[in-house]
Amino acid sequence: MNTTAHCIRPLSGSETVPAGAKEILGTRCRTNIDLFAEWASVFGFPTWFGRDWSAFEDCLRTLAEADESGPVTLVLRNAALLLEDEDPGQLGILLDILGGSDFGLLLLDDSADDLDQLARRMTAAGFTPPPMPEG
């Protein structure tokens, strides 16, 4: 299928999160519906956002085009919970959208063991996960 682009990687323990970074909670992104609501809230998606993958991608594209300060950095806390209650294909769709856009950088923040679990789910979704820290 696809490989995870350089725009998705674990947050290292010594790394400082950029001041303008947005924060998403994986605990609020276990299903598609929850993910759409969380991202819409954090990024202020427009009222026309239809809460489906096509509209999600359109909103990210619109944000990337409108942001004059450059690509967005997003920190996903409790990353292992990302779309955990959905079919693996849904995670694949999200990763494909993020990997194929000019969105910016998604930093995965979780324990090494939980990031390893996420890496297995990414693989099941048809993606090569970024190198994860050893737990």
N, C-alpha and C. Protein backbone atom coordinates (compact mmCIF):
# COMPACT_ATOMS: atom_id res chain seq x y z
N MET A 1 0.84 -1.18 0.00
CA MET A 1 0.00 0.00 0.00
C MET A 1 0.89 1.24 0.00
N ASN A 2 1.03 1.90 1.09
CA ASN A 2 1.75 3.16 1.21
C ASN A 2 2.75 3.05 2.34
N THR A 3 3.65 3.99 2.43
CA THR A 3 4.55 4.06 3.57
C THR A 3 4.30 5.36 4.31
N THR A 4 4.57 5.33 5.59
CA THR A 4 4.38 6.54 6.38
C THR A 4 5.45 7.55 6.00
N ALA A 5 5.03 8.72 5.65
CA ALA A 5 5.95 9.78 5.26
C ALA A 5 6.72 10.31 6.46
N HIS A 6 7.71 11.09 6.18
CA HIS A 6 8.53 11.68 7.23
C HIS A 6 7.75 12.60 8.14
N CYS A 7 6.49 12.86 7.83
CA CYS A 7 5.69 13.80 8.61
C CYS A 7 5.10 13.17 9.87
N ILE A 8 5.34 11.89 10.10
CA ILE A 8 4.81 11.21 11.28
C ILE A 8 5.96 10.51 11.98
N ARG A 9 6.22 10.87 13.24
CA ARG A 9 7.30 10.22 13.98
C ARG A 9 7.07 10.35 15.48
N PRO A 10 7.73 9.50 16.27
CA PRO A 10 7.60 9.60 17.73
C PRO A 10 8.26 10.88 18.25
N LEU A 11 7.73 11.39 19.33
CA LEU A 11 8.32 12.51 20.04
C LEU A 11 9.40 11.96 20.95
N SER A 12 10.61 12.42 20.80
CA SER A 12 11.68 11.91 21.66
C SER A 12 11.57 12.54 23.05
N GLY A 13 12.06 11.80 24.04
CA GLY A 13 11.98 12.27 25.42
C GLY A 13 12.72 13.58 25.67
N SER A 14 13.74 13.86 24.87
CA SER A 14 14.54 15.07 25.07
C SER A 14 14.09 16.23 24.19
N GLU A 15 13.08 15.99 23.37
CA GLU A 15 12.63 16.99 22.41
C GLU A 15 11.69 18.01 23.05
N THR A 16 11.89 19.27 22.69
CA THR A 16 11.01 20.33 23.14
C THR A 16 9.94 20.56 22.07
N VAL A 17 8.71 20.58 22.49
CA VAL A 17 7.60 20.80 21.56
C VAL A 17 7.60 22.28 21.16
N PRO A 18 7.53 22.56 19.85
CA PRO A 18 7.49 23.96 19.41
C PRO A 18 6.33 24.72 20.04
N ALA A 19 6.54 25.99 20.30
CA ALA A 19 5.54 26.81 20.99
C ALA A 19 4.21 26.85 20.26
N GLY A 20 4.20 26.85 18.95
CA GLY A 20 2.96 26.95 18.20
C GLY A 20 2.29 25.62 17.91
N ALA A 21 2.80 24.54 18.49
CA ALA A 21 2.25 23.21 18.19
C ALA A 21 0.83 23.08 18.73
N LYS A 22 0.03 22.32 18.01
CA LYS A 22 -1.32 21.98 18.44
C LYS A 22 -1.26 20.64 19.15
N GLU A 23 -2.16 20.42 20.07
CA GLU A 23 -2.19 19.17 20.82
C GLU A 23 -3.52 18.47 20.64
N ILE A 24 -3.44 17.18 20.27
CA ILE A 24 -4.60 16.31 20.10
C ILE A 24 -4.48 15.19 21.12
N LEU A 25 -5.60 14.80 21.72
CA LEU A 25 -5.58 13.71 22.68
C LEU A 25 -6.10 12.43 22.03
N GLY A 26 -5.27 11.40 22.02
CA GLY A 26 -5.68 10.12 21.47
C GLY A 26 -6.89 9.54 22.19
N THR A 27 -7.04 9.88 23.46
CA THR A 27 -8.21 9.42 24.22
C THR A 27 -9.51 9.96 23.62
N ARG A 28 -9.41 11.04 22.84
CA ARG A 28 -10.58 11.63 22.19
C ARG A 28 -10.66 11.27 20.71
N CYS A 29 -9.85 10.30 20.28
CA CYS A 29 -9.78 9.95 18.86
C CYS A 29 -9.86 8.45 18.64
N ARG A 30 -10.61 7.76 19.46
CA ARG A 30 -10.69 6.30 19.36
C ARG A 30 -11.58 5.84 18.22
N THR A 31 -12.51 6.68 17.78
CA THR A 31 -13.39 6.37 16.65
C THR A 31 -13.30 7.50 15.63
N ASN A 32 -13.79 7.24 14.43
CA ASN A 32 -13.81 8.30 13.41
C ASN A 32 -14.57 9.52 13.89
N ILE A 33 -15.76 9.29 14.42
CA ILE A 33 -16.60 10.40 14.88
C ILE A 33 -15.86 11.24 15.92
N ASP A 34 -15.22 10.57 16.88
CA ASP A 34 -14.48 11.28 17.91
C ASP A 34 -13.28 12.03 17.32
N LEU A 35 -12.57 11.38 16.39
CA LEU A 35 -11.41 12.02 15.77
C LEU A 35 -11.84 13.28 15.02
N PHE A 36 -12.91 13.18 14.25
CA PHE A 36 -13.38 14.35 13.50
C PHE A 36 -13.74 15.50 14.46
N ALA A 37 -14.40 15.18 15.56
CA ALA A 37 -14.79 16.21 16.53
C ALA A 37 -13.56 16.85 17.18
N GLU A 38 -12.58 16.03 17.56
CA GLU A 38 -11.38 16.55 18.23
C GLU A 38 -10.57 17.43 17.30
N TRP A 39 -10.31 16.97 16.09
CA TRP A 39 -9.51 17.76 15.15
C TRP A 39 -10.26 19.03 14.75
N ALA A 40 -11.57 18.94 14.56
CA ALA A 40 -12.36 20.13 14.21
C ALA A 40 -12.28 21.16 15.31
N SER A 41 -12.32 20.71 16.57
CA SER A 41 -12.24 21.62 17.70
C SER A 41 -10.85 22.26 17.81
N VAL A 42 -9.82 21.45 17.73
CA VAL A 42 -8.45 21.95 17.89
C VAL A 42 -8.06 22.90 16.75
N PHE A 43 -8.45 22.57 15.52
CA PHE A 43 -8.05 23.37 14.37
C PHE A 43 -9.09 24.39 13.93
N GLY A 44 -10.27 24.36 14.53
CA GLY A 44 -11.31 25.31 14.14
C GLY A 44 -11.76 25.10 12.71
N PHE A 45 -12.04 23.83 12.37
CA PHE A 45 -12.52 23.54 11.02
C PHE A 45 -13.75 24.38 10.72
N PRO A 46 -13.96 24.73 9.45
CA PRO A 46 -15.11 25.56 9.08
C PRO A 46 -16.44 24.82 9.27
N THR A 47 -17.51 25.59 9.25
CA THR A 47 -18.84 25.01 9.48
C THR A 47 -19.24 24.02 8.40
N TRP A 48 -18.64 24.10 7.23
CA TRP A 48 -18.99 23.16 6.15
C TRP A 48 -18.36 21.78 6.34
N PHE A 49 -17.53 21.59 7.35
CA PHE A 49 -16.88 20.30 7.57
C PHE A 49 -17.93 19.21 7.73
N GLY A 50 -17.90 18.22 6.82
CA GLY A 50 -18.93 17.19 6.76
C GLY A 50 -18.67 15.95 7.60
N ARG A 51 -17.63 15.93 8.37
CA ARG A 51 -17.30 14.80 9.25
C ARG A 51 -17.20 13.48 8.50
N ASP A 52 -16.44 13.53 7.41
CA ASP A 52 -16.05 12.32 6.70
C ASP A 52 -14.62 12.54 6.21
N TRP A 53 -14.00 11.50 5.67
CA TRP A 53 -12.58 11.59 5.31
C TRP A 53 -12.31 12.60 4.21
N SER A 54 -13.20 12.70 3.25
CA SER A 54 -13.00 13.66 2.16
C SER A 54 -13.02 15.10 2.68
N ALA A 55 -14.00 15.40 3.52
CA ALA A 55 -14.09 16.74 4.10
C ALA A 55 -12.91 17.01 5.04
N PHE A 56 -12.49 15.98 5.78
CA PHE A 56 -11.33 16.10 6.67
C PHE A 56 -10.09 16.50 5.87
N GLU A 57 -9.86 15.79 4.77
CA GLU A 57 -8.71 16.09 3.92
C GLU A 57 -8.81 17.50 3.34
N ASP A 58 -10.00 17.89 2.92
CA ASP A 58 -10.20 19.24 2.39
C ASP A 58 -9.89 20.30 3.45
N CYS A 59 -10.31 20.06 4.69
CA CYS A 59 -10.04 21.02 5.76
C CYS A 59 -8.55 21.13 6.04
N LEU A 60 -7.85 20.00 6.06
CA LEU A 60 -6.40 20.04 6.28
C LEU A 60 -5.70 20.79 5.15
N ARG A 61 -6.14 20.54 3.92
CA ARG A 61 -5.55 21.23 2.76
C ARG A 61 -5.79 22.74 2.88
N THR A 62 -7.01 23.11 3.25
CA THR A 62 -7.34 24.52 3.41
C THR A 62 -6.49 25.17 4.48
N LEU A 63 -6.29 24.45 5.61
CA LEU A 63 -5.44 24.97 6.68
C LEU A 63 -4.00 25.15 6.22
N ALA A 64 -3.48 24.16 5.51
CA ALA A 64 -2.09 24.22 5.04
C ALA A 64 -1.90 25.37 4.06
N GLU A 65 -2.88 25.61 3.20
CA GLU A 65 -2.78 26.69 2.22
C GLU A 65 -2.92 28.06 2.86
N ALA A 66 -3.72 28.15 3.92
CA ALA A 66 -4.00 29.44 4.55
C ALA A 66 -2.95 29.84 5.58
N ASP A 67 -2.19 28.87 6.10
CA ASP A 67 -1.25 29.14 7.17
C ASP A 67 0.05 29.69 6.61
N GLU A 68 0.28 30.97 6.80
CA GLU A 68 1.48 31.63 6.29
C GLU A 68 2.70 31.37 7.17
N SER A 69 2.51 30.82 8.36
CA SER A 69 3.63 30.58 9.26
C SER A 69 4.33 29.26 8.98
N GLY A 70 3.84 28.51 7.99
CA GLY A 70 4.47 27.25 7.64
C GLY A 70 3.67 26.06 8.12
N PRO A 71 4.19 24.85 7.89
CA PRO A 71 3.48 23.63 8.28
C PRO A 71 3.20 23.57 9.78
N VAL A 72 2.10 22.94 10.11
CA VAL A 72 1.66 22.80 11.49
C VAL A 72 2.38 21.63 12.15
N THR A 73 2.77 21.80 13.41
CA THR A 73 3.27 20.69 14.21
C THR A 73 2.15 20.30 15.17
N LEU A 74 1.85 19.02 15.18
CA LEU A 74 0.79 18.48 16.01
C LEU A 74 1.38 17.42 16.93
N VAL A 75 1.06 17.50 18.20
CA VAL A 75 1.49 16.49 19.16
C VAL A 75 0.27 15.65 19.52
N LEU A 76 0.36 14.36 19.24
CA LEU A 76 -0.73 13.44 19.55
C LEU A 76 -0.40 12.71 20.84
N ARG A 77 -1.01 13.14 21.93
CA ARG A 77 -0.82 12.51 23.25
C ARG A 77 -1.64 11.22 23.29
N ASN A 78 -1.17 10.23 24.04
CA ASN A 78 -1.83 8.92 24.09
C ASN A 78 -2.05 8.40 22.66
N ALA A 79 -0.99 8.46 21.88
CA ALA A 79 -1.06 8.15 20.45
C ALA A 79 -1.56 6.75 20.15
N ALA A 80 -1.28 5.79 21.01
CA ALA A 80 -1.66 4.40 20.74
C ALA A 80 -3.17 4.23 20.65
N LEU A 81 -3.94 5.17 21.20
CA LEU A 81 -5.39 5.06 21.18
C LEU A 81 -6.01 5.58 19.88
N LEU A 82 -5.19 6.13 19.00
CA LEU A 82 -5.67 6.71 17.76
C LEU A 82 -6.46 5.68 16.95
N LEU A 83 -7.74 5.92 16.77
CA LEU A 83 -8.66 5.07 16.01
C LEU A 83 -8.61 3.60 16.45
N GLU A 84 -8.33 3.38 17.71
CA GLU A 84 -8.21 2.03 18.25
C GLU A 84 -9.52 1.23 18.14
N ASP A 85 -10.65 1.90 18.21
CA ASP A 85 -11.94 1.21 18.17
C ASP A 85 -12.50 1.07 16.76
N GLU A 86 -11.68 1.34 15.76
CA GLU A 86 -12.10 1.24 14.35
C GLU A 86 -11.36 0.11 13.65
N ASP A 87 -11.84 -0.25 12.50
CA ASP A 87 -11.17 -1.19 11.62
C ASP A 87 -9.80 -0.62 11.25
N PRO A 88 -8.75 -1.45 11.10
CA PRO A 88 -7.42 -0.94 10.74
C PRO A 88 -7.40 -0.09 9.48
N GLY A 89 -8.32 -0.33 8.57
CA GLY A 89 -8.38 0.47 7.35
C GLY A 89 -8.62 1.94 7.61
N GLN A 90 -9.32 2.26 8.70
CA GLN A 90 -9.58 3.67 9.03
C GLN A 90 -8.29 4.38 9.42
N LEU A 91 -7.44 3.69 10.18
CA LEU A 91 -6.13 4.25 10.52
C LEU A 91 -5.32 4.45 9.24
N GLY A 92 -5.42 3.50 8.33
CA GLY A 92 -4.74 3.61 7.04
C GLY A 92 -5.17 4.84 6.26
N ILE A 93 -6.46 5.13 6.27
CA ILE A 93 -6.96 6.31 5.57
C ILE A 93 -6.37 7.58 6.18
N LEU A 94 -6.38 7.67 7.50
CA LEU A 94 -5.82 8.85 8.17
C LEU A 94 -4.34 9.01 7.84
N LEU A 95 -3.58 7.93 7.94
CA LEU A 95 -2.14 8.01 7.67
C LEU A 95 -1.87 8.39 6.21
N ASP A 96 -2.70 7.89 5.32
CA ASP A 96 -2.56 8.23 3.90
C ASP A 96 -2.82 9.72 3.69
N ILE A 97 -3.84 10.25 4.33
CA ILE A 97 -4.15 11.68 4.22
C ILE A 97 -3.00 12.51 4.77
N LEU A 98 -2.53 12.17 5.95
CA LEU A 98 -1.45 12.94 6.58
C LEU A 98 -0.15 12.82 5.80
N GLY A 99 0.15 11.62 5.33
CA GLY A 99 1.38 11.39 4.60
C GLY A 99 1.40 12.02 3.23
N GLY A 100 0.24 12.26 2.65
CA GLY A 100 0.16 12.81 1.31
C GLY A 100 -0.17 14.28 1.27
N SER A 101 -0.12 14.94 2.41
CA SER A 101 -0.50 16.36 2.45
C SER A 101 0.68 17.22 2.87
N ASP A 102 0.50 18.51 2.77
CA ASP A 102 1.48 19.47 3.25
C ASP A 102 1.14 19.92 4.66
N PHE A 103 0.43 19.07 5.38
CA PHE A 103 -0.08 19.40 6.70
C PHE A 103 1.04 19.83 7.65
N GLY A 104 2.09 19.05 7.77
CA GLY A 104 3.17 19.38 8.68
C GLY A 104 3.72 18.14 9.34
N LEU A 105 3.92 18.20 10.63
CA LEU A 105 4.56 17.13 11.39
C LEU A 105 3.62 16.64 12.49
N LEU A 106 3.43 15.33 12.55
CA LEU A 106 2.65 14.71 13.60
C LEU A 106 3.61 13.98 14.52
N LEU A 107 3.73 14.45 15.76
CA LEU A 107 4.60 13.84 16.76
C LEU A 107 3.75 12.92 17.64
N LEU A 108 4.12 11.66 17.69
CA LEU A 108 3.41 10.66 18.47
C LEU A 108 3.99 10.61 19.86
N ASP A 109 3.16 10.85 20.87
CA ASP A 109 3.62 10.89 22.25
C ASP A 109 2.89 9.82 23.06
N ASP A 110 3.65 8.83 23.53
CA ASP A 110 3.09 7.76 24.34
C ASP A 110 4.27 6.97 24.89
N SER A 111 3.99 5.96 25.70
CA SER A 111 5.06 5.11 26.21
C SER A 111 5.63 4.28 25.06
N ALA A 112 6.85 3.80 25.23
CA ALA A 112 7.48 2.98 24.19
C ALA A 112 6.65 1.74 23.88
N ASP A 113 6.12 1.10 24.90
CA ASP A 113 5.30 -0.10 24.67
C ASP A 113 4.03 0.23 23.89
N ASP A 114 3.39 1.35 24.24
CA ASP A 114 2.17 1.73 23.53
C ASP A 114 2.47 2.17 22.10
N LEU A 115 3.61 2.84 21.88
CA LEU A 115 3.98 3.20 20.52
C LEU A 115 4.28 1.95 19.69
N ASP A 116 4.82 0.92 20.33
CA ASP A 116 5.05 -0.34 19.63
C ASP A 116 3.72 -0.96 19.20
N GLN A 117 2.73 -0.86 20.06
CA GLN A 117 1.38 -1.34 19.72
C GLN A 117 0.82 -0.56 18.53
N LEU A 118 1.01 0.76 18.54
CA LEU A 118 0.55 1.59 17.42
C LEU A 118 1.29 1.20 16.14
N ALA A 119 2.59 0.93 16.25
CA ALA A 119 3.37 0.52 15.08
C ALA A 119 2.80 -0.76 14.47
N ARG A 120 2.38 -1.70 15.30
CA ARG A 120 1.78 -2.94 14.80
C ARG A 120 0.46 -2.64 14.08
N ARG A 121 -0.32 -1.73 14.64
CA ARG A 121 -1.58 -1.35 13.99
C ARG A 121 -1.33 -0.63 12.67
N MET A 122 -0.28 0.21 12.62
CA MET A 122 0.07 0.89 11.38
C MET A 122 0.45 -0.13 10.31
N THR A 123 1.21 -1.12 10.71
CA THR A 123 1.62 -2.18 9.78
C THR A 123 0.39 -2.93 9.28
N ALA A 124 -0.54 -3.24 10.17
CA ALA A 124 -1.78 -3.93 9.78
C ALA A 124 -2.60 -3.09 8.81
N ALA A 125 -2.44 -1.77 8.89
CA ALA A 125 -3.17 -0.86 8.00
C ALA A 125 -2.44 -0.67 6.67
N GLY A 126 -1.28 -1.34 6.50
CA GLY A 126 -0.56 -1.28 5.24
C GLY A 126 0.52 -0.24 5.16
N PHE A 127 0.95 0.28 6.31
CA PHE A 127 1.97 1.31 6.34
C PHE A 127 3.24 0.80 7.02
N THR A 128 4.35 1.36 6.62
CA THR A 128 5.60 1.11 7.31
C THR A 128 5.71 2.17 8.39
N PRO A 129 5.64 1.78 9.66
CA PRO A 129 5.67 2.79 10.73
C PRO A 129 7.05 3.42 10.85
N PRO A 130 7.10 4.63 11.39
CA PRO A 130 8.40 5.24 11.64
C PRO A 130 9.12 4.45 12.73
N PRO A 131 10.44 4.56 12.82
CA PRO A 131 11.15 3.87 13.90
C PRO A 131 10.61 4.31 15.26
N MET A 132 10.29 3.34 16.08
CA MET A 132 9.73 3.62 17.40
C MET A 132 10.82 3.40 18.45
N PRO A 133 10.74 4.12 19.56
CA PRO A 133 11.72 3.90 20.63
C PRO A 133 11.57 2.49 21.21
N GLU A 134 12.65 1.96 21.68
CA GLU A 134 12.59 0.63 22.27
C GLU A 134 12.08 0.71 23.69
N GLY A 135 11.21 -0.22 24.05
CA GLY A 135 10.61 -0.21 25.37
C GLY A 135 11.19 -1.29 26.16
